[in-house]
Amino acid sequence: MAGKEEVKHLEECSVSKFVSFLQPLEFSTQIALGTWVFSVLGALVAIPVGIKKKSLAPLVFFGTTGTMLDIIMGISACEREHAERQMQLLEAQNSATDALAESLPE
């Protein structure tokens, strides 16, 4: 193997903490809104359109589209959180290395 690949776990993200009722709710408003807004909007658009067309097809289309958008937004937020966390860890490691290098006698 050329290098060790990092594995991201969903339970580390604030989106999963919002969904799971067993963990404390620590989430930002933006991430919390991104987990259900498009599903609700899809249903709200689909109901009147479905009644007008007398069909369930709009509900299927808008409902699944909204759900997929919610999933994509949640995954993107999770990946963004993971990248930010990795940058913070890297910065902390670099500052610790710099402090150690400065404290060593030349």
Protein backbone atom coordinates (compact mmCIF):
# COMPACT_ATOMS: atom_id res chain seq x y z
CA MET A 1 0.00 0.00 0.00
CA ALA A 2 1.22 3.46 -0.81
CA GLY A 3 -0.46 5.20 2.13
CA LYS A 4 -3.01 4.80 4.83
CA GLU A 5 -6.47 5.90 3.73
CA GLU A 6 -8.60 7.66 6.32
CA VAL A 7 -12.07 6.30 6.92
CA LYS A 8 -14.89 8.71 7.71
CA HIS A 9 -17.62 7.51 10.05
CA LEU A 10 -21.14 8.90 9.79
CA GLU A 11 -21.65 8.90 13.55
CA GLU A 12 -18.94 11.60 13.87
CA CYS A 13 -21.07 14.14 11.99
CA SER A 14 -23.55 16.53 13.53
CA VAL A 15 -26.14 15.49 10.93
CA SER A 16 -26.23 11.98 12.34
CA LYS A 17 -26.48 13.38 15.86
CA PHE A 18 -29.60 15.24 14.75
CA VAL A 19 -31.14 12.10 13.34
CA SER A 20 -30.23 9.81 16.25
CA PHE A 21 -32.33 10.34 19.34
CA LEU A 22 -29.84 8.48 21.52
CA GLN A 23 -27.05 11.04 21.22
CA PRO A 24 -27.02 14.64 22.48
CA LEU A 25 -28.31 17.19 20.01
CA GLU A 26 -25.33 19.29 19.00
CA PHE A 27 -25.95 20.76 15.59
CA SER A 28 -26.00 24.06 13.79
CA THR A 29 -29.23 25.49 12.45
CA GLN A 30 -27.99 25.27 8.88
CA ILE A 31 -27.27 21.54 9.09
CA ALA A 32 -30.52 20.84 10.95
CA LEU A 33 -32.52 22.65 8.28
CA GLY A 34 -30.73 20.77 5.51
CA THR A 35 -31.89 17.40 6.78
CA TRP A 36 -35.63 17.76 6.15
CA VAL A 37 -36.47 20.98 4.30
CA PHE A 38 -36.39 19.59 0.77
CA SER A 39 -38.50 16.57 1.68
CA VAL A 40 -41.20 18.81 3.12
CA LEU A 41 -41.01 21.23 0.18
CA GLY A 42 -41.28 18.32 -2.25
CA ALA A 43 -44.40 17.05 -0.50
CA LEU A 44 -45.94 20.54 -0.33
CA VAL A 45 -45.43 21.02 -4.06
CA ALA A 46 -46.50 17.49 -4.96
CA ILE A 47 -49.85 17.47 -3.13
CA PRO A 48 -51.56 20.27 -5.09
CA VAL A 49 -49.98 19.13 -8.37
CA GLY A 50 -51.09 15.55 -7.70
CA ILE A 51 -54.63 16.65 -6.90
CA LYS A 52 -54.80 18.73 -10.09
CA LYS A 53 -53.43 15.90 -12.26
CA LYS A 54 -55.33 13.22 -10.26
CA SER A 55 -52.15 11.15 -10.02
CA LEU A 56 -49.61 10.01 -7.44
CA ALA A 57 -46.73 10.47 -9.89
CA PRO A 58 -45.91 14.02 -8.71
CA LEU A 59 -45.75 12.82 -5.11
CA VAL A 60 -43.34 10.08 -6.10
CA PHE A 61 -41.21 12.43 -8.20
CA PHE A 62 -41.08 15.43 -5.85
CA GLY A 63 -40.94 13.29 -2.72
CA THR A 64 -37.98 11.22 -3.90
CA THR A 65 -36.22 14.26 -5.36
CA GLY A 66 -36.57 16.16 -2.09
CA THR A 67 -35.34 13.19 -0.09
CA MET A 68 -32.33 12.74 -2.35
CA LEU A 69 -31.47 16.44 -2.00
CA ASP A 70 -31.66 16.08 1.79
CA ILE A 71 -29.35 13.07 1.71
CA ILE A 72 -26.86 14.83 -0.57
CA MET A 73 -26.88 17.96 1.59
CA GLY A 74 -26.35 15.87 4.73
CA ILE A 75 -23.41 13.99 3.23
CA SER A 76 -21.87 17.23 1.97
CA ALA A 77 -22.21 18.79 5.43
CA CYS A 78 -20.61 15.70 6.97
CA GLU A 79 -17.69 15.80 4.55
CA ARG A 80 -17.23 19.52 5.18
CA GLU A 81 -17.20 18.95 8.96
CA HIS A 82 -14.67 16.15 8.55
CA ALA A 83 -12.39 18.33 6.41
CA GLU A 84 -12.59 21.18 8.94
CA ARG A 85 -11.80 18.79 11.80
CA GLN A 86 -8.81 17.41 9.90
CA MET A 87 -7.52 20.94 9.22
CA GLN A 88 -7.81 21.83 12.91
CA LEU A 89 -5.91 18.70 13.88
CA LEU A 90 -3.21 19.42 11.29
CA GLU A 91 -2.85 23.03 12.48
CA ALA A 92 -2.60 21.89 16.10
CA GLN A 93 0.03 19.31 15.15
CA ASN A 94 2.02 21.89 13.18
CA SER A 95 1.92 24.43 16.02
CA ALA A 96 3.03 21.76 18.51
CA THR A 97 5.90 20.78 16.21
CA ASP A 98 6.91 24.43 15.79
CA ALA A 99 6.82 25.02 19.55
CA LEU A 100 8.95 21.93 20.13
CA ALA A 101 11.47 23.00 17.48
CA GLU A 102 11.75 26.47 19.04
CA SER A 103 12.31 25.08 22.53
CA LEU A 104 15.18 22.81 21.47
CA PRO A 105 18.68 24.30 21.85
CA GLU A 106 20.56 24.85 18.61
